[in-house]
Protein backbone atom coordinates (compact mmCIF):
# COMPACT_ATOMS: atom_id res chain seq x y z
CA UNK A 1 0.00 0.00 0.00
CA UNK A 2 2.79 2.42 0.93
CA UNK A 3 4.53 1.72 -2.35
CA UNK A 4 1.36 2.59 -4.26
CA UNK A 5 1.13 6.01 -2.58
CA UNK A 6 4.85 6.59 -3.08
CA UNK A 7 4.50 5.76 -6.78
CA UNK A 8 1.43 7.97 -7.19
CA UNK A 9 2.39 10.96 -5.04
CA UNK A 10 6.09 10.72 -4.28
CA UNK A 11 8.20 10.46 -1.16
CA UNK A 12 7.45 14.04 -0.04
CA UNK A 13 3.75 13.21 0.16
CA UNK A 14 4.46 10.19 2.35
CA UNK A 15 6.68 12.18 4.69
CA UNK A 16 4.02 14.88 5.05
CA UNK A 17 1.39 12.21 5.77
CA UNK A 18 3.60 10.60 8.42
CA UNK A 19 4.33 13.92 10.09
CA UNK A 20 0.66 14.91 10.07
CA UNK A 21 -0.33 11.61 11.59
CA UNK A 22 2.33 12.01 14.28
CA UNK A 23 1.16 15.55 15.05
CA UNK A 24 -2.45 14.50 15.56
CA UNK A 25 -1.49 11.63 17.86
CA UNK A 26 1.00 13.62 19.97
CA UNK A 27 -1.35 15.93 21.90
CA UNK A 28 -0.76 14.32 25.30
CA UNK A 29 3.01 14.39 24.75
CA UNK A 30 2.86 18.10 23.91
CA UNK A 31 0.73 18.80 26.99
CA UNK A 32 3.24 16.91 29.15
CA UNK A 33 6.06 19.08 27.81
CA UNK A 34 4.17 22.29 28.56
CA UNK A 35 2.78 21.16 31.93
CA UNK A 36 5.67 18.99 33.22
CA UNK A 37 4.71 19.12 36.90
CA UNK A 38 1.05 18.28 36.42
CA UNK A 39 -1.09 15.29 35.53
CA UNK A 40 -2.31 16.15 32.04
CA UNK A 41 -4.41 13.04 31.49
CA UNK A 42 -7.71 14.85 32.09
CA UNK A 43 -6.77 17.75 29.84
CA UNK A 44 -5.61 15.32 27.16
CA UNK A 45 -8.77 13.24 27.37
CA UNK A 46 -10.97 16.34 27.19
CA UNK A 47 -9.17 18.09 24.33
CA UNK A 48 -7.65 17.08 21.03
CA UNK A 49 -6.02 18.42 17.90
CA UNK A 50 -8.95 18.74 15.50
CA UNK A 51 -7.30 20.13 12.37
CA UNK A 52 -4.45 22.09 10.87
CA UNK A 53 -5.54 24.64 8.32
CA UNK A 54 -3.31 27.29 6.73
CA UNK A 55 -0.85 27.30 9.61
CA UNK A 56 -3.52 27.38 12.34
CA UNK A 57 -3.66 24.40 14.68
CA UNK A 58 -7.22 24.03 15.93
CA UNK A 59 -7.64 22.44 19.36
CA UNK A 60 -11.09 21.22 20.30
CA UNK A 61 -12.16 20.88 23.94
CA UNK A 62 -15.22 19.30 25.57
CA UNK A 63 -15.94 22.20 27.94
CA UNK A 64 -15.22 25.96 28.01
CA UNK A 65 -13.23 25.41 31.22
CA UNK A 66 -10.70 23.26 29.38
CA UNK A 67 -10.33 25.96 26.75
CA UNK A 68 -9.57 28.47 29.49
CA UNK A 69 -6.99 26.16 31.06
CA UNK A 70 -5.27 25.60 27.73
CA UNK A 71 -5.38 29.27 26.79
CA UNK A 72 -3.30 30.12 29.86
CA UNK A 73 -0.42 28.28 28.17
CA UNK A 74 -1.28 29.07 24.54
CA UNK A 75 2.12 30.61 23.78
CA UNK A 76 3.97 27.69 25.37
CA UNK A 77 1.79 25.17 23.51
CA UNK A 78 2.50 26.91 20.21
CA UNK A 79 6.24 26.95 20.87
CA UNK A 80 6.23 23.25 21.82
CA UNK A 81 4.37 22.31 18.63
CA UNK A 82 6.63 24.50 16.49
CA UNK A 83 9.73 22.95 18.05
CA UNK A 84 8.48 19.39 17.58
CA UNK A 85 7.10 19.94 14.05
CA UNK A 86 9.04 22.81 12.41
CA UNK A 87 8.27 21.48 8.93
CA UNK A 88 4.51 21.96 9.52
CA UNK A 89 4.88 25.78 9.60
CA UNK A 90 2.33 26.22 12.40
CA UNK A 91 1.86 29.91 13.14
CA UNK A 92 -1.07 30.00 15.55
CA UNK A 93 -3.20 27.89 17.88
CA UNK A 94 -6.94 28.40 18.04
CA UNK A 95 -9.44 26.75 20.38
CA UNK A 96 -13.01 25.70 19.76
CA UNK A 97 -15.71 24.00 21.76
CA UNK A 98 -16.68 20.47 20.78
CA UNK A 99 -20.22 20.12 19.46
CA UNK A 100 -20.79 16.72 20.99
PDB file of N, CA and C in Angstrom:
ATOM      1  N   UNK A   1       0.816  -1.191   0.000  1.00  0.00           N
ATOM      2  CA  UNK A   1       0.000   0.000   0.000  1.00  0.00           C
ATOM      3  C   UNK A   1       0.865   1.262   0.000  1.00  0.00           C
ATOM      4  N   UNK A   2       1.901   1.268   0.861  1.00  0.00           N
ATOM      5  CA  UNK A   2       2.786   2.424   0.933  1.00  0.00           C
ATOM      6  C   UNK A   2       3.458   2.661  -0.412  1.00  0.00           C
ATOM      7  N   UNK A   3       3.868   1.582  -1.061  1.00  0.00           N
ATOM      8  CA  UNK A   3       4.530   1.716  -2.350  1.00  0.00           C
ATOM      9  C   UNK A   3       3.608   2.360  -3.380  1.00  0.00           C
ATOM     10  N   UNK A   4       2.316   2.014  -3.325  1.00  0.00           N
ATOM     11  CA  UNK A   4       1.357   2.587  -4.264  1.00  0.00           C
ATOM     12  C   UNK A   4       1.281   4.114  -4.079  1.00  0.00           C
ATOM     13  N   UNK A   5       1.189   4.579  -2.821  1.00  0.00           N
ATOM     14  CA  UNK A   5       1.130   6.008  -2.577  1.00  0.00           C
ATOM     15  C   UNK A   5       2.436   6.688  -2.969  1.00  0.00           C
ATOM     16  N   UNK A   6       3.557   6.032  -2.687  1.00  0.00           N
ATOM     17  CA  UNK A   6       4.849   6.589  -3.079  1.00  0.00           C
ATOM     18  C   UNK A   6       4.922   6.728  -4.591  1.00  0.00           C
ATOM     19  N   UNK A   7       4.477   5.707  -5.322  1.00  0.00           N
ATOM     20  CA  UNK A   7       4.505   5.761  -6.778  1.00  0.00           C
ATOM     21  C   UNK A   7       3.572   6.842  -7.328  1.00  0.00           C
ATOM     22  N   UNK A   8       2.404   6.989  -6.706  1.00  0.00           N
ATOM     23  CA  UNK A   8       1.427   7.969  -7.185  1.00  0.00           C
ATOM     24  C   UNK A   8       1.778   9.405  -6.803  1.00  0.00           C
ATOM     25  N   UNK A   9       2.237   9.606  -5.559  1.00  0.00           N
ATOM     26  CA  UNK A   9       2.387  10.964  -5.044  1.00  0.00           C
ATOM     27  C   UNK A   9       3.813  11.365  -4.696  1.00  0.00           C
ATOM     28  N   UNK A  10       4.700  10.412  -4.580  1.00  0.00           N
ATOM     29  CA  UNK A  10       6.091  10.723  -4.282  1.00  0.00           C
ATOM     30  C   UNK A  10       6.422  10.623  -2.803  1.00  0.00           C
ATOM     31  N   UNK A  11       7.703  10.615  -2.526  1.00  0.00           N
ATOM     32  CA  UNK A  11       8.199  10.462  -1.155  1.00  0.00           C
ATOM     33  C   UNK A  11       7.830  11.653  -0.275  1.00  0.00           C
ATOM     34  N   UNK A  12       7.809  12.863  -0.834  1.00  0.00           N
ATOM     35  CA  UNK A  12       7.449  14.042  -0.041  1.00  0.00           C
ATOM     36  C   UNK A  12       6.041  13.927   0.517  1.00  0.00           C
ATOM     37  N   UNK A  13       5.128  13.406  -0.289  1.00  0.00           N
ATOM     38  CA  UNK A  13       3.746  13.211   0.164  1.00  0.00           C
ATOM     39  C   UNK A  13       3.713  12.256   1.353  1.00  0.00           C
ATOM     40  N   UNK A  14       4.443  11.155   1.253  1.00  0.00           N
ATOM     41  CA  UNK A  14       4.458  10.185   2.346  1.00  0.00           C
ATOM     42  C   UNK A  14       5.035  10.784   3.624  1.00  0.00           C
ATOM     43  N   UNK A  15       6.080  11.563   3.500  1.00  0.00           N
ATOM     44  CA  UNK A  15       6.678  12.178   4.687  1.00  0.00           C
ATOM     45  C   UNK A  15       5.712  13.171   5.325  1.00  0.00           C
ATOM     46  N   UNK A  16       5.017  13.945   4.517  1.00  0.00           N
ATOM     47  CA  UNK A  16       4.019  14.877   5.049  1.00  0.00           C
ATOM     48  C   UNK A  16       2.893  14.119   5.744  1.00  0.00           C
ATOM     49  N   UNK A  17       2.456  13.027   5.158  1.00  0.00           N
ATOM     50  CA  UNK A  17       1.394  12.212   5.766  1.00  0.00           C
ATOM     51  C   UNK A  17       1.850  11.632   7.105  1.00  0.00           C
ATOM     52  N   UNK A  18       3.075  11.146   7.171  1.00  0.00           N
ATOM     53  CA  UNK A  18       3.602  10.597   8.424  1.00  0.00           C
ATOM     54  C   UNK A  18       3.680  11.674   9.506  1.00  0.00           C
ATOM     55  N   UNK A  19       4.195  12.832   9.130  1.00  0.00           N
ATOM     56  CA  UNK A  19       4.333  13.923  10.088  1.00  0.00           C
ATOM     57  C   UNK A  19       2.967  14.390  10.577  1.00  0.00           C
ATOM     58  N   UNK A  20       2.014  14.499   9.680  1.00  0.00           N
ATOM     59  CA  UNK A  20       0.661  14.914  10.068  1.00  0.00           C
ATOM     60  C   UNK A  20       0.039  13.911  11.018  1.00  0.00           C
ATOM     61  N   UNK A  21       0.200  12.653  10.722  1.00  0.00           N
ATOM     62  CA  UNK A  21      -0.331  11.609  11.595  1.00  0.00           C
ATOM     63  C   UNK A  21       0.310  11.685  12.975  1.00  0.00           C
ATOM     64  N   UNK A  22       1.607  11.897  13.009  1.00  0.00           N
ATOM     65  CA  UNK A  22       2.325  12.009  14.280  1.00  0.00           C
ATOM     66  C   UNK A  22       1.839  13.220  15.070  1.00  0.00           C
ATOM     67  N   UNK A  23       1.648  14.341  14.396  1.00  0.00           N
ATOM     68  CA  UNK A  23       1.164  15.551  15.054  1.00  0.00           C
ATOM     69  C   UNK A  23      -0.176  15.296  15.738  1.00  0.00           C
ATOM     70  N   UNK A  24      -1.114  14.707  15.030  1.00  0.00           N
ATOM     71  CA  UNK A  24      -2.455  14.501  15.564  1.00  0.00           C
ATOM     72  C   UNK A  24      -2.485  13.487  16.709  1.00  0.00           C
ATOM     73  N   UNK A  25      -1.514  12.627  16.775  1.00  0.00           N
ATOM     74  CA  UNK A  25      -1.488  11.633  17.855  1.00  0.00           C
ATOM     75  C   UNK A  25      -0.584  12.036  19.023  1.00  0.00           C
ATOM     76  N   UNK A  26       0.011  13.229  18.960  1.00  0.00           N
ATOM     77  CA  UNK A  26       0.998  13.618  19.971  1.00  0.00           C
ATOM     78  C   UNK A  26       0.481  14.642  20.983  1.00  0.00           C
ATOM     79  N   UNK A  27      -0.802  14.879  21.035  1.00  0.00           N
ATOM     80  CA  UNK A  27      -1.346  15.930  21.897  1.00  0.00           C
ATOM     81  C   UNK A  27      -0.966  15.737  23.365  1.00  0.00           C
ATOM     82  N   UNK A  28      -1.096  14.553  23.893  1.00  0.00           N
ATOM     83  CA  UNK A  28      -0.761  14.317  25.296  1.00  0.00           C
ATOM     84  C   UNK A  28       0.733  14.545  25.556  1.00  0.00           C
ATOM     85  N   UNK A  29       1.566  14.172  24.622  1.00  0.00           N
ATOM     86  CA  UNK A  29       3.009  14.395  24.755  1.00  0.00           C
ATOM     87  C   UNK A  29       3.311  15.887  24.802  1.00  0.00           C
ATOM     88  N   UNK A  30       2.662  16.648  23.936  1.00  0.00           N
ATOM     89  CA  UNK A  30       2.858  18.100  23.908  1.00  0.00           C
ATOM     90  C   UNK A  30       2.389  18.716  25.225  1.00  0.00           C
ATOM     91  N   UNK A  31       1.224  18.287  25.705  1.00  0.00           N
ATOM     92  CA  UNK A  31       0.727  18.798  26.988  1.00  0.00           C
ATOM     93  C   UNK A  31       1.698  18.484  28.119  1.00  0.00           C
ATOM     94  N   UNK A  32       2.278  17.305  28.117  1.00  0.00           N
ATOM     95  CA  UNK A  32       3.236  16.908  29.147  1.00  0.00           C
ATOM     96  C   UNK A  32       4.482  17.792  29.119  1.00  0.00           C
ATOM     97  N   UNK A  33       4.900  18.191  27.926  1.00  0.00           N
ATOM     98  CA  UNK A  33       6.058  19.075  27.808  1.00  0.00           C
ATOM     99  C   UNK A  33       5.756  20.468  28.361  1.00  0.00           C
ATOM    100  N   UNK A  34       4.544  20.940  28.139  1.00  0.00           N
ATOM    101  CA  UNK A  34       4.173  22.290  28.564  1.00  0.00           C
ATOM    102  C   UNK A  34       3.793  22.333  30.044  1.00  0.00           C
ATOM    103  N   UNK A  35       3.194  21.258  30.528  1.00  0.00           N
ATOM    104  CA  UNK A  35       2.781  21.163  31.933  1.00  0.00           C
ATOM    105  C   UNK A  35       3.555  20.024  32.617  1.00  0.00           C
ATOM    106  N   UNK A  36       4.868  20.127  32.749  1.00  0.00           N
ATOM    107  CA  UNK A  36       5.668  18.985  33.221  1.00  0.00           C
ATOM    108  C   UNK A  36       5.391  18.558  34.665  1.00  0.00           C
ATOM    109  N   UNK A  37       4.920  19.444  35.493  1.00  0.00           N
ATOM    110  CA  UNK A  37       4.711  19.118  36.901  1.00  0.00           C
ATOM    111  C   UNK A  37       3.291  18.667  37.207  1.00  0.00           C
ATOM    112  N   UNK A  38       2.457  18.559  36.184  1.00  0.00           N
ATOM    113  CA  UNK A  38       1.049  18.281  36.423  1.00  0.00           C
ATOM    114  C   UNK A  38       0.601  17.006  35.705  1.00  0.00           C
ATOM    115  N   UNK A  39      -0.462  16.426  36.199  1.00  0.00           N
ATOM    116  CA  UNK A  39      -1.091  15.293  35.530  1.00  0.00           C
ATOM    117  C   UNK A  39      -1.964  15.853  34.409  1.00  0.00           C
ATOM    118  N   UNK A  40      -1.590  15.581  33.185  1.00  0.00           N
ATOM    119  CA  UNK A  40      -2.311  16.149  32.037  1.00  0.00           C
ATOM    120  C   UNK A  40      -3.336  15.190  31.449  1.00  0.00           C
ATOM    121  N   UNK A  41      -3.531  14.044  32.077  1.00  0.00           N
ATOM    122  CA  UNK A  41      -4.410  13.035  31.494  1.00  0.00           C
ATOM    123  C   UNK A  41      -5.836  13.545  31.297  1.00  0.00           C
ATOM    124  N   UNK A  42      -6.348  14.323  32.261  1.00  0.00           N
ATOM    125  CA  UNK A  42      -7.706  14.848  32.091  1.00  0.00           C
ATOM    126  C   UNK A  42      -7.769  15.881  30.970  1.00  0.00           C
ATOM    127  N   UNK A  43      -6.793  16.759  30.917  1.00  0.00           N
ATOM    128  CA  UNK A  43      -6.766  17.750  29.841  1.00  0.00           C
ATOM    129  C   UNK A  43      -6.639  17.061  28.491  1.00  0.00           C
ATOM    130  N   UNK A  44      -5.801  16.036  28.421  1.00  0.00           N
ATOM    131  CA  UNK A  44      -5.606  15.316  27.165  1.00  0.00           C
ATOM    132  C   UNK A  44      -6.854  14.540  26.750  1.00  0.00           C
ATOM    133  N   UNK A  45      -7.575  14.005  27.725  1.00  0.00           N
ATOM    134  CA  UNK A  45      -8.768  13.236  27.368  1.00  0.00           C
ATOM    135  C   UNK A  45      -9.970  14.134  27.083  1.00  0.00           C
ATOM    136  N   UNK A  46      -9.875  15.415  27.437  1.00  0.00           N
ATOM    137  CA  UNK A  46     -10.971  16.343  27.193  1.00  0.00           C
ATOM    138  C   UNK A  46     -10.660  17.382  26.125  1.00  0.00           C
ATOM    139  N   UNK A  47      -9.541  17.199  25.436  1.00  0.00           N
ATOM    140  CA  UNK A  47      -9.170  18.087  24.326  1.00  0.00           C
ATOM    141  C   UNK A  47      -8.387  17.281  23.307  1.00  0.00           C
ATOM    142  N   UNK A  48      -8.337  17.788  22.103  1.00  0.00           N
ATOM    143  CA  UNK A  48      -7.652  17.078  21.032  1.00  0.00           C
ATOM    144  C   UNK A  48      -7.303  18.045  19.910  1.00  0.00           C
ATOM    145  N   UNK A  49      -6.318  17.678  19.114  1.00  0.00           N
ATOM    146  CA  UNK A  49      -6.025  18.422  17.902  1.00  0.00           C
ATOM    147  C   UNK A  49      -7.098  18.033  16.897  1.00  0.00           C
ATOM    148  N   UNK A  50      -7.847  19.011  16.425  1.00  0.00           N
ATOM    149  CA  UNK A  50      -8.950  18.736  15.502  1.00  0.00           C
ATOM    150  C   UNK A  50      -8.507  18.882  14.042  1.00  0.00           C
ATOM    151  N   UNK A  51      -7.753  19.953  13.739  1.00  0.00           N
ATOM    152  CA  UNK A  51      -7.296  20.129  12.365  1.00  0.00           C
ATOM    153  C   UNK A  51      -6.156  21.137  12.298  1.00  0.00           C
ATOM    154  N   UNK A  52      -5.492  21.125  11.182  1.00  0.00           N
ATOM    155  CA  UNK A  52      -4.446  22.087  10.870  1.00  0.00           C
ATOM    156  C   UNK A  52      -4.818  22.691   9.526  1.00  0.00           C
ATOM    157  N   UNK A  53      -5.096  23.984   9.551  1.00  0.00           N
ATOM    158  CA  UNK A  53      -5.535  24.638   8.321  1.00  0.00           C
ATOM    159  C   UNK A  53      -4.802  25.962   8.154  1.00  0.00           C
ATOM    160  N   UNK A  54      -4.058  26.071   7.075  1.00  0.00           N
ATOM    161  CA  UNK A  54      -3.314  27.290   6.727  1.00  0.00           C
ATOM    162  C   UNK A  54      -2.463  27.815   7.879  1.00  0.00           C
ATOM    163  N   UNK A  55      -1.758  26.914   8.539  1.00  0.00           N
ATOM    164  CA  UNK A  55      -0.854  27.301   9.606  1.00  0.00           C
ATOM    165  C   UNK A  55      -1.503  27.490  10.971  1.00  0.00           C
ATOM    166  N   UNK A  56      -2.805  27.244  11.068  1.00  0.00           N
ATOM    167  CA  UNK A  56      -3.515  27.384  12.336  1.00  0.00           C
ATOM    168  C   UNK A  56      -3.865  25.992  12.852  1.00  0.00           C
ATOM    169  N   UNK A  57      -3.363  25.666  14.025  1.00  0.00           N
ATOM    170  CA  UNK A  57      -3.662  24.400  14.675  1.00  0.00           C
ATOM    171  C   UNK A  57      -4.911  24.603  15.534  1.00  0.00           C
ATOM    172  N   UNK A  58      -5.958  23.873  15.227  1.00  0.00           N
ATOM    173  CA  UNK A  58      -7.220  24.025  15.934  1.00  0.00           C
ATOM    174  C   UNK A  58      -7.347  22.918  16.971  1.00  0.00           C
ATOM    175  N   UNK A  59      -7.481  23.351  18.228  1.00  0.00           N
ATOM    176  CA  UNK A  59      -7.637  22.440  19.357  1.00  0.00           C
ATOM    177  C   UNK A  59      -9.101  22.481  19.778  1.00  0.00           C
ATOM    178  N   UNK A  60      -9.702  21.330  19.881  1.00  0.00           N
ATOM    179  CA  UNK A  60     -11.094  21.219  20.295  1.00  0.00           C
ATOM    180  C   UNK A  60     -11.140  20.709  21.731  1.00  0.00           C
ATOM    181  N   UNK A  61     -12.010  21.302  22.546  1.00  0.00           N
ATOM    182  CA  UNK A  61     -12.164  20.884  23.940  1.00  0.00           C
ATOM    183  C   UNK A  61     -13.634  20.608  24.234  1.00  0.00           C
ATOM    184  N   UNK A  62     -13.869  19.741  25.224  1.00  0.00           N
ATOM    185  CA  UNK A  62     -15.221  19.304  25.572  1.00  0.00           C
ATOM    186  C   UNK A  62     -15.994  20.306  26.419  1.00  0.00           C
ATOM    187  N   UNK A  63     -15.297  21.263  27.022  1.00  0.00           N
ATOM    188  CA  UNK A  63     -15.943  22.201  27.939  1.00  0.00           C
ATOM    189  C   UNK A  63     -15.199  23.536  27.880  1.00  0.00           C
ATOM    190  N   UNK A  64     -15.896  24.653  28.028  1.00  0.00           N
ATOM    191  CA  UNK A  64     -15.217  25.960  28.013  1.00  0.00           C
ATOM    192  C   UNK A  64     -14.112  26.080  29.063  1.00  0.00           C
ATOM    193  N   UNK A  65     -14.263  25.373  30.186  1.00  0.00           N
ATOM    194  CA  UNK A  65     -13.228  25.410  31.224  1.00  0.00           C
ATOM    195  C   UNK A  65     -11.899  24.865  30.732  1.00  0.00           C
ATOM    196  N   UNK A  66     -11.945  23.811  29.920  1.00  0.00           N
ATOM    197  CA  UNK A  66     -10.696  23.259  29.380  1.00  0.00           C
ATOM    198  C   UNK A  66     -10.060  24.237  28.402  1.00  0.00           C
ATOM    199  N   UNK A  67     -10.885  24.943  27.651  1.00  0.00           N
ATOM    200  CA  UNK A  67     -10.335  25.957  26.746  1.00  0.00           C
ATOM    201  C   UNK A  67      -9.613  27.022  27.558  1.00  0.00           C
ATOM    202  N   UNK A  68     -10.213  27.466  28.645  1.00  0.00           N
ATOM    203  CA  UNK A  68      -9.569  28.471  29.493  1.00  0.00           C
ATOM    204  C   UNK A  68      -8.240  27.965  30.054  1.00  0.00           C
ATOM    205  N   UNK A  69      -8.232  26.740  30.519  1.00  0.00           N
ATOM    206  CA  UNK A  69      -6.995  26.161  31.058  1.00  0.00           C
ATOM    207  C   UNK A  69      -5.907  26.143  29.985  1.00  0.00           C
ATOM    208  N   UNK A  70      -6.247  25.695  28.807  1.00  0.00           N
ATOM    209  CA  UNK A  70      -5.265  25.597  27.728  1.00  0.00           C
ATOM    210  C   UNK A  70      -4.821  26.981  27.240  1.00  0.00           C
ATOM    211  N   UNK A  71      -5.737  27.931  27.235  1.00  0.00           N
ATOM    212  CA  UNK A  71      -5.381  29.273  26.787  1.00  0.00           C
ATOM    213  C   UNK A  71      -4.352  29.940  27.703  1.00  0.00           C
ATOM    214  N   UNK A  72      -4.295  29.533  28.965  1.00  0.00           N
ATOM    215  CA  UNK A  72      -3.299  30.120  29.861  1.00  0.00           C
ATOM    216  C   UNK A  72      -1.874  29.774  29.428  1.00  0.00           C
ATOM    217  N   UNK A  73      -1.740  28.705  28.659  1.00  0.00           N
ATOM    218  CA  UNK A  73      -0.419  28.282  28.170  1.00  0.00           C
ATOM    219  C   UNK A  73      -0.376  28.269  26.643  1.00  0.00           C
ATOM    220  N   UNK A  74      -1.191  29.090  26.007  1.00  0.00           N
ATOM    221  CA  UNK A  74      -1.280  29.074  24.545  1.00  0.00           C
ATOM    222  C   UNK A  74       0.073  29.330  23.876  1.00  0.00           C
ATOM    223  N   UNK A  75       0.811  30.305  24.372  1.00  0.00           N
ATOM    224  CA  UNK A  75       2.119  30.606  23.779  1.00  0.00           C
ATOM    225  C   UNK A  75       3.070  29.429  23.933  1.00  0.00           C
ATOM    226  N   UNK A  76       3.095  28.829  25.121  1.00  0.00           N
ATOM    227  CA  UNK A  76       3.972  27.689  25.368  1.00  0.00           C
ATOM    228  C   UNK A  76       3.568  26.481  24.524  1.00  0.00           C
ATOM    229  N   UNK A  77       2.262  26.264  24.356  1.00  0.00           N
ATOM    230  CA  UNK A  77       1.793  25.167  23.506  1.00  0.00           C
ATOM    231  C   UNK A  77       2.232  25.382  22.065  1.00  0.00           C
ATOM    232  N   UNK A  78       2.077  26.603  21.578  1.00  0.00           N
ATOM    233  CA  UNK A  78       2.499  26.905  20.207  1.00  0.00           C
ATOM    234  C   UNK A  78       3.996  26.669  20.035  1.00  0.00           C
ATOM    235  N   UNK A  79       4.793  27.146  20.973  1.00  0.00           N
ATOM    236  CA  UNK A  79       6.243  26.950  20.875  1.00  0.00           C
ATOM    237  C   UNK A  79       6.621  25.470  20.912  1.00  0.00           C
ATOM    238  N   UNK A  80       5.941  24.685  21.749  1.00  0.00           N
ATOM    239  CA  UNK A  80       6.230  23.246  21.823  1.00  0.00           C
ATOM    240  C   UNK A  80       5.887  22.554  20.506  1.00  0.00           C
ATOM    241  N   UNK A  81       4.773  22.913  19.910  1.00  0.00           N
ATOM    242  CA  UNK A  81       4.369  22.312  18.630  1.00  0.00           C
ATOM    243  C   UNK A  81       5.337  22.741  17.528  1.00  0.00           C
ATOM    244  N   UNK A  82       5.693  24.010  17.507  1.00  0.00           N
ATOM    245  CA  UNK A  82       6.633  24.497  16.487  1.00  0.00           C
ATOM    246  C   UNK A  82       7.995  23.819  16.608  1.00  0.00           C
ATOM    247  N   UNK A  83       8.439  23.606  17.827  1.00  0.00           N
ATOM    248  CA  UNK A  83       9.731  22.953  18.046  1.00  0.00           C
ATOM    249  C   UNK A  83       9.687  21.490  17.587  1.00  0.00           C
ATOM    250  N   UNK A  84       8.600  20.802  17.914  1.00  0.00           N
ATOM    251  CA  UNK A  84       8.475  19.387  17.582  1.00  0.00           C
ATOM    252  C   UNK A  84       8.203  19.159  16.090  1.00  0.00           C
ATOM    253  N   UNK A  85       7.494  20.095  15.459  1.00  0.00           N
ATOM    254  CA  UNK A  85       7.100  19.942  14.048  1.00  0.00           C
ATOM    255  C   UNK A  85       7.428  21.202  13.239  1.00  0.00           C
ATOM    256  N   UNK A  86       8.698  21.567  13.129  1.00  0.00           N
ATOM    257  CA  UNK A  86       9.043  22.812  12.410  1.00  0.00           C
ATOM    258  C   UNK A  86       8.627  22.781  10.936  1.00  0.00           C
ATOM    259  N   UNK A  87       8.615  21.608  10.344  1.00  0.00           N
ATOM    260  CA  UNK A  87       8.267  21.484   8.934  1.00  0.00           C
ATOM    261  C   UNK A  87       6.792  21.735   8.657  1.00  0.00           C
ATOM    262  N   UNK A  88       5.948  21.758   9.696  1.00  0.00           N
ATOM    263  CA  UNK A  88       4.508  21.957   9.517  1.00  0.00           C
ATOM    264  C   UNK A  88       4.154  23.441   9.405  1.00  0.00           C
ATOM    265  N   UNK A  89       5.081  24.331   9.727  1.00  0.00           N
ATOM    266  CA  UNK A  89       4.883  25.777   9.595  1.00  0.00           C
ATOM    267  C   UNK A  89       3.619  26.254  10.320  1.00  0.00           C
ATOM    268  N   UNK A  90       3.487  25.842  11.585  1.00  0.00           N
ATOM    269  CA  UNK A  90       2.330  26.215  12.399  1.00  0.00           C
ATOM    270  C   UNK A  90       2.594  27.594  12.995  1.00  0.00           C
ATOM    271  N   UNK A  91       1.672  28.521  12.730  1.00  0.00           N
ATOM    272  CA  UNK A  91       1.855  29.912  13.140  1.00  0.00           C
ATOM    273  C   UNK A  91       0.975  30.317  14.313  1.00  0.00           C
ATOM    274  N   UNK A  92      -0.085  29.572  14.551  1.00  0.00           N
ATOM    275  CA  UNK A  92      -1.065  30.000  15.547  1.00  0.00           C
ATOM    276  C   UNK A  92      -1.825  28.785  16.080  1.00  0.00           C
ATOM    277  N   UNK A  93      -2.306  28.895  17.316  1.00  0.00           N
ATOM    278  CA  UNK A  93      -3.201  27.892  17.883  1.00  0.00           C
ATOM    279  C   UNK A  93      -4.530  28.578  18.164  1.00  0.00           C
ATOM    280  N   UNK A  94      -5.586  27.906  17.792  1.00  0.00           N
ATOM    281  CA  UNK A  94      -6.938  28.400  18.041  1.00  0.00           C
ATOM    282  C   UNK A  94      -7.717  27.302  18.772  1.00  0.00           C
ATOM    283  N   UNK A  95      -8.649  27.709  19.603  1.00  0.00           N
ATOM    284  CA  UNK A  95      -9.439  26.750  20.377  1.00  0.00           C
ATOM    285  C   UNK A  95     -10.902  26.845  19.989  1.00  0.00           C
ATOM    286  N   UNK A  96     -11.568  25.709  20.021  1.00  0.00           N
ATOM    287  CA  UNK A  96     -13.007  25.704  19.763  1.00  0.00           C
ATOM    288  C   UNK A  96     -13.662  24.677  20.659  1.00  0.00           C
ATOM    289  N   UNK A  97     -14.925  24.888  20.921  1.00  0.00           N
ATOM    290  CA  UNK A  97     -15.707  24.001  21.761  1.00  0.00           C
ATOM    291  C   UNK A  97     -16.254  22.851  20.928  1.00  0.00           C
ATOM    292  N   UNK A  98     -16.157  21.650  21.462  1.00  0.00           N
ATOM    293  CA  UNK A  98     -16.678  20.468  20.778  1.00  0.00           C
ATOM    294  C   UNK A  98     -18.204  20.566  20.700  1.00  0.00           C
ATOM    295  N   UNK A  99     -18.770  20.088  19.626  1.00  0.00           N
ATOM    296  CA  UNK A  99     -20.223  20.121  19.456  1.00  0.00           C
ATOM    297  C   UNK A  99     -20.912  18.925  20.086  1.00  0.00           C
ATOM    298  N   UNK A 100     -20.149  17.920  20.446  1.00  0.00           N
ATOM    299  CA  UNK A 100     -20.790  16.718  20.987  1.00  0.00           C
ATOM    300  C   UNK A 100     -20.838  16.719  22.495  1.00  0.00           C
TER     301      UNK A 100
END
